[in-house]
C-alpha atoms as a PDB file:
ATOM      1  CA  MET A   1      92.303  89.646 111.019  1.00  0.00           C
ATOM      2  CA  PRO A   2      92.711  90.417 107.345  1.00  0.00           C
ATOM      3  CA  ASP A   3      91.809  87.558 105.003  1.00  0.00           C
ATOM      4  CA  GLU A   4      94.519  88.678 102.636  1.00  0.00           C
ATOM      5  CA  ILE A   5      97.403  86.200 102.444  1.00  0.00           C
ATOM      6  CA  PRO A   6     100.758  87.654 101.418  1.00  0.00           C
ATOM      7  CA  GLN A   7     102.581  86.122  98.501  1.00  0.00           C
ATOM      8  CA  PHE A   8     106.203  86.137  99.550  1.00  0.00           C
ATOM      9  CA  ILE A   9     108.381  85.025  96.652  1.00  0.00           C
ATOM     10  CA  GLY A  10     112.002  85.430  95.655  1.00  0.00           C
ATOM     11  CA  GLU A  11     115.389  84.647  97.069  1.00  0.00           C
ATOM     12  CA  TYR A  12     117.568  87.326  98.643  1.00  0.00           C
ATOM     13  CA  GLU A  13     121.178  86.417  99.305  1.00  0.00           C
ATOM     14  CA  ASP A  14     123.807  88.140 101.402  1.00  0.00           C
ATOM     15  CA  VAL A  15     121.255  89.987 103.561  1.00  0.00           C
ATOM     16  CA  PRO A  16     123.081  91.854 106.350  1.00  0.00           C
ATOM     17  CA  VAL A  17     122.471  91.013 110.010  1.00  0.00           C
ATOM     18  CA  ASP A  18     124.086  93.508 112.364  1.00  0.00           C
ATOM     19  CA  PRO A  19     125.635  92.649 115.776  1.00  0.00           C
ATOM     20  CA  LYS A  20     122.342  93.551 117.509  1.00  0.00           C
ATOM     21  CA  GLY A  21     120.490  90.948 115.427  1.00  0.00           C
ATOM     22  CA  ARG A  22     118.774  93.385 113.072  1.00  0.00           C
ATOM     23  CA  LEU A  23     118.131  91.885 109.652  1.00  0.00           C
ATOM     24  CA  ILE A  24     117.395  94.158 106.713  1.00  0.00           C
ATOM     25  CA  VAL A  25     114.071  92.949 105.281  1.00  0.00           C
ATOM     26  CA  PRO A  26     114.210  93.130 101.472  1.00  0.00           C
ATOM     27  CA  LEU A  27     111.894  95.808 100.076  1.00  0.00           C
ATOM     28  CA  ALA A  28     110.008  93.315  97.894  1.00  0.00           C
ATOM     29  CA  ILE A  29     109.181  91.314 101.039  1.00  0.00           C
ATOM     30  CA  ARG A  30     108.055  94.401 102.969  1.00  0.00           C
ATOM     31  CA  LYS A  31     105.773  95.409 100.088  1.00  0.00           C
ATOM     32  CA  GLU A  32     103.910  92.104 100.362  1.00  0.00           C
ATOM     33  CA  LEU A  33     102.839  92.703 103.954  1.00  0.00           C
ATOM     34  CA  PRO A  34      99.151  93.609 104.260  1.00  0.00           C
ATOM     35  CA  LEU A  35      98.382  97.327 104.502  1.00  0.00           C
ATOM     36  CA  GLY A  36      99.152  98.647 107.975  1.00  0.00           C
ATOM     37  CA  VAL A  37     101.234  95.624 109.022  1.00  0.00           C
ATOM     38  CA  ASN A  38     104.864  96.373 109.848  1.00  0.00           C
ATOM     39  CA  SER A  39     105.890  93.307 111.793  1.00  0.00           C
ATOM     40  CA  PHE A  40     106.598  89.614 111.555  1.00  0.00           C
ATOM     41  CA  VAL A  41     106.234  86.851 114.077  1.00  0.00           C
ATOM     42  CA  VAL A  42     109.600  85.069 113.930  1.00  0.00           C
ATOM     43  CA  ALA A  43     109.761  81.413 114.945  1.00  0.00           C
ATOM     44  CA  ARG A  44     111.977  78.351 114.674  1.00  0.00           C
ATOM     45  CA  TRP A  45     110.956  76.455 111.598  1.00  0.00           C
ATOM     46  CA  PHE A  46     111.713  73.299 109.716  1.00  0.00           C
ATOM     47  CA  ASP A  47     115.004  72.265 108.149  1.00  0.00           C
ATOM     48  CA  GLY A  48     117.063  74.526 110.413  1.00  0.00           C
ATOM     49  CA  CYS A  49     115.730  77.908 109.320  1.00  0.00           C
ATOM     50  CA  LEU A  50     113.656  80.621 110.960  1.00  0.00           C
ATOM     51  CA  ALA A  51     110.282  81.681 109.598  1.00  0.00           C
ATOM     52  CA  GLY A  52     108.701  85.121 109.580  1.00  0.00           C
ATOM     53  CA  PHE A  53     104.903  85.282 109.440  1.00  0.00           C
ATOM     54  CA  ASP A  54     102.648  88.266 109.111  1.00  0.00           C
ATOM     55  CA  PRO A  55     100.453  88.290 112.254  1.00  0.00           C
ATOM     56  CA  GLY A  56      97.336  87.159 110.345  1.00  0.00           C
ATOM     57  CA  VAL A  57      99.037  84.083 108.936  1.00  0.00           C
ATOM     58  CA  TRP A  58     100.662  83.400 112.322  1.00  0.00           C
ATOM     59  CA  HIS A  59      97.168  83.291 113.827  1.00  0.00           C
ATOM     60  CA  ARG A  60      96.353  80.463 111.398  1.00  0.00           C
ATOM     61  CA  VAL A  61      99.534  78.608 112.404  1.00  0.00           C
ATOM     62  CA  LEU A  62      98.507  78.901 116.062  1.00  0.00           C
ATOM     63  CA  GLN A  63      95.062  77.514 115.229  1.00  0.00           C
ATOM     64  CA  GLN A  64      96.714  74.511 113.576  1.00  0.00           C
ATOM     65  CA  LEU A  65      98.922  73.975 116.625  1.00  0.00           C
ATOM     66  CA  LEU A  66      95.920  74.226 118.950  1.00  0.00           C
ATOM     67  CA  ALA A  67      94.081  71.607 116.886  1.00  0.00           C
ATOM     68  CA  LEU A  68      96.801  69.043 117.615  1.00  0.00           C
ATOM     69  CA  ASP A  69      96.078  66.457 120.300  1.00  0.00           C
ATOM     70  CA  GLY A  70      97.906  67.839 123.351  1.00  0.00           C
ATOM     71  CA  GLY A  71      97.939  64.335 124.820  1.00  0.00           C
ATOM     72  CA  GLN A  72     100.447  63.215 122.224  1.00  0.00           C
ATOM     73  CA  ARG A  73     104.103  63.817 122.974  1.00  0.00           C
ATOM     74  CA  GLN A  74     104.999  64.853 119.401  1.00  0.00           C
ATOM     75  CA  ALA A  75     102.158  67.377 119.340  1.00  0.00           C
ATOM     76  CA  ARG A  76     103.449  68.945 122.551  1.00  0.00           C
ATOM     77  CA  GLN A  77     106.979  68.981 121.171  1.00  0.00           C
ATOM     78  CA  LEU A  78     105.827  70.715 118.004  1.00  0.00           C
ATOM     79  CA  ARG A  79     103.834  73.310 119.956  1.00  0.00           C
ATOM     80  CA  ARG A  80     106.795  74.062 122.209  1.00  0.00           C
ATOM     81  CA  SER A  81     109.317  74.131 119.406  1.00  0.00           C
ATOM     82  CA  VAL A  82     107.345  76.473 117.156  1.00  0.00           C
ATOM     83  CA  ALA A  83     105.415  78.660 119.601  1.00  0.00           C
ATOM     84  CA  GLY A  84     107.785  78.599 122.572  1.00  0.00           C
ATOM     85  CA  GLY A  85     110.532  80.656 121.004  1.00  0.00           C
ATOM     86  CA  ALA A  86     108.365  82.730 118.695  1.00  0.00           C
ATOM     87  CA  MET A  87     108.167  86.471 119.091  1.00  0.00           C
ATOM     88  CA  GLU A  88     106.695  89.421 117.255  1.00  0.00           C
ATOM     89  CA  ALA A  89     109.240  91.840 115.842  1.00  0.00           C
ATOM     90  CA  LYS A  90     108.478  95.210 114.321  1.00  0.00           C
ATOM     91  CA  ILE A  91     110.186  96.478 111.204  1.00  0.00           C
ATOM     92  CA  ASP A  92     111.875  99.789 112.015  1.00  0.00           C
ATOM     93  CA  ARG A  93     112.093 102.871 109.764  1.00  0.00           C
ATOM     94  CA  GLN A  94     115.288 101.558 108.190  1.00  0.00           C
ATOM     95  CA  GLY A  95     113.527  98.326 107.185  1.00  0.00           C
ATOM     96  CA  ARG A  96     115.266  96.223 109.838  1.00  0.00           C
ATOM     97  CA  LEU A  97     113.739  93.400 111.843  1.00  0.00           C
ATOM     98  CA  LEU A  98     115.222  92.783 115.304  1.00  0.00           C
ATOM     99  CA  ILE A  99     115.597  89.024 115.795  1.00  0.00           C
ATOM    100  CA  PRO A 100     116.699  87.769 119.219  1.00  0.00           C
ATOM    101  CA  ARG A 101     120.213  86.344 119.225  1.00  0.00           C
ATOM    102  CA  LYS A 102     118.865  83.081 120.682  1.00  0.00           C
ATOM    103  CA  LEU A 103     116.793  82.488 117.529  1.00  0.00           C
ATOM    104  CA  LEU A 104     119.637  83.517 115.229  1.00  0.00           C
ATOM    105  CA  ASP A 105     121.978  81.146 117.063  1.00  0.00           C
ATOM    106  CA  ARG A 106     119.551  78.231 116.676  1.00  0.00           C
ATOM    107  CA  ALA A 107     119.628  78.763 112.908  1.00  0.00           C
ATOM    108  CA  ASN A 108     123.398  79.444 112.949  1.00  0.00           C
ATOM    109  CA  ILE A 109     122.886  82.891 111.411  1.00  0.00           C
ATOM    110  CA  MET A 110     125.721  85.316 112.040  1.00  0.00           C
ATOM    111  CA  GLU A 111     126.516  88.397 109.912  1.00  0.00           C
ATOM    112  CA  ARG A 112     124.653  87.396 106.737  1.00  0.00           C
ATOM    113  CA  ALA A 113     121.458  85.541 105.916  1.00  0.00           C
ATOM    114  CA  THR A 114     119.526  84.297 102.937  1.00  0.00           C
ATOM    115  CA  VAL A 115     115.866  85.306 102.932  1.00  0.00           C
ATOM    116  CA  SER A 116     113.584  83.122 100.852  1.00  0.00           C
ATOM    117  CA  GLY A 117     109.918  83.632 100.063  1.00  0.00           C
ATOM    118  CA  ALA A 118     107.750  80.616 100.894  1.00  0.00           C
ATOM    119  CA  ILE A 119     104.424  82.097  99.724  1.00  0.00           C
ATOM    120  CA  ASP A 120     102.642  82.606 103.075  1.00  0.00           C
ATOM    121  CA  HIS A 121     105.828  83.239 105.091  1.00  0.00           C
ATOM    122  CA  VAL A 122     109.485  84.084 104.632  1.00  0.00           C
ATOM    123  CA  GLU A 123     112.337  81.832 105.632  1.00  0.00           C
ATOM    124  CA  ILE A 124     115.586  83.136 107.085  1.00  0.00           C
ATOM    125  CA  TRP A 125     118.559  80.847 106.564  1.00  0.00           C
ATOM    126  CA  ASN A 126     122.223  80.492 107.274  1.00  0.00           C
ATOM    127  CA  PRO A 127     123.545  81.074 103.721  1.00  0.00           C
ATOM    128  CA  ALA A 128     125.690  77.914 103.551  1.00  0.00           C
ATOM    129  CA  ARG A 129     122.887  75.752 104.948  1.00  0.00           C
ATOM    130  CA  TYR A 130     120.449  77.227 102.415  1.00  0.00           C
ATOM    131  CA  VAL A 131     122.734  76.368  99.481  1.00  0.00           C
ATOM    132  CA  GLU A 132     123.191  72.843 100.844  1.00  0.00           C
ATOM    133  CA  TYR A 133     119.442  72.402 101.345  1.00  0.00           C
ATOM    134  CA  MET A 134     118.578  73.705  97.878  1.00  0.00           C
ATOM    135  CA  ASN A 135     121.213  71.443  96.285  1.00  0.00           C
ATOM    136  CA  GLU A 136     119.599  68.463  98.035  1.00  0.00           C
ATOM    137  CA  THR A 137     116.177  69.630  96.856  1.00  0.00           C
ATOM    138  CA  ASP A 138     117.351  70.185  93.283  1.00  0.00           C
ATOM    139  CA  GLN A 139     118.526  66.570  93.113  1.00  0.00           C
ATOM    140  CA  ARG A 140     115.012  65.392  93.992  1.00  0.00           C
ATOM    141  CA  LEU A 141     112.919  68.127  92.384  1.00  0.00           C
ATOM    142  CA  GLU A 142     111.429  66.004  89.616  1.00  0.00           C
ATOM    143  CA  GLU A 143     110.377  63.345  92.121  1.00  0.00           C
ATOM    144  CA  ILE A 144     108.898  65.979  94.436  1.00  0.00           C
ATOM    145  CA  VAL A 145     106.937  67.610  91.596  1.00  0.00           C
ATOM    146  CA  GLU A 146     105.533  64.230  90.556  1.00  0.00           C
ATOM    147  CA  THR A 147     104.560  63.407  94.144  1.00  0.00           C
ATOM    148  CA  TYR A 148     102.517  66.578  94.531  1.00  0.00           C
ATOM    149  CA  GLY A 149     101.260  66.824  90.959  1.00  0.00           C
ATOM    150  CA  LEU A 150     102.522  70.346  90.378  1.00  0.00           C
ATOM    151  CA  ARG A 151     102.445  71.239  86.692  1.00  0.00           C
END
């Protein structure tokens, strides 16, 4: 496992998703993958989006899920929700990532998506939901920054 953590940043709007579920991964995102890695593990994520992890970072997510107390209902729900529908998808020569329709449907992603860098992973959103979510966040940004002490 490489120790290198990608630094996915940026916001990419109007990203095409074809009828087969292939999403064009923005070049800037592909360039951040560790050398020799040409895939993402795609999983359901928080706030109604999908997340794409490079396999090394995904391994860390799995370790966190395994550390949860399996005797607690919420821990089991989180494990099932995140890991149950996750799958590894390779990026093809055209820079496309094949995402199963079931995952796209859960995030209500049809012909277009917004791809957003989230430092150690990318998020794949329904464009309208992303705008709505960011508007909500913008209204609380100062409070959020103060809570976490980001300067």
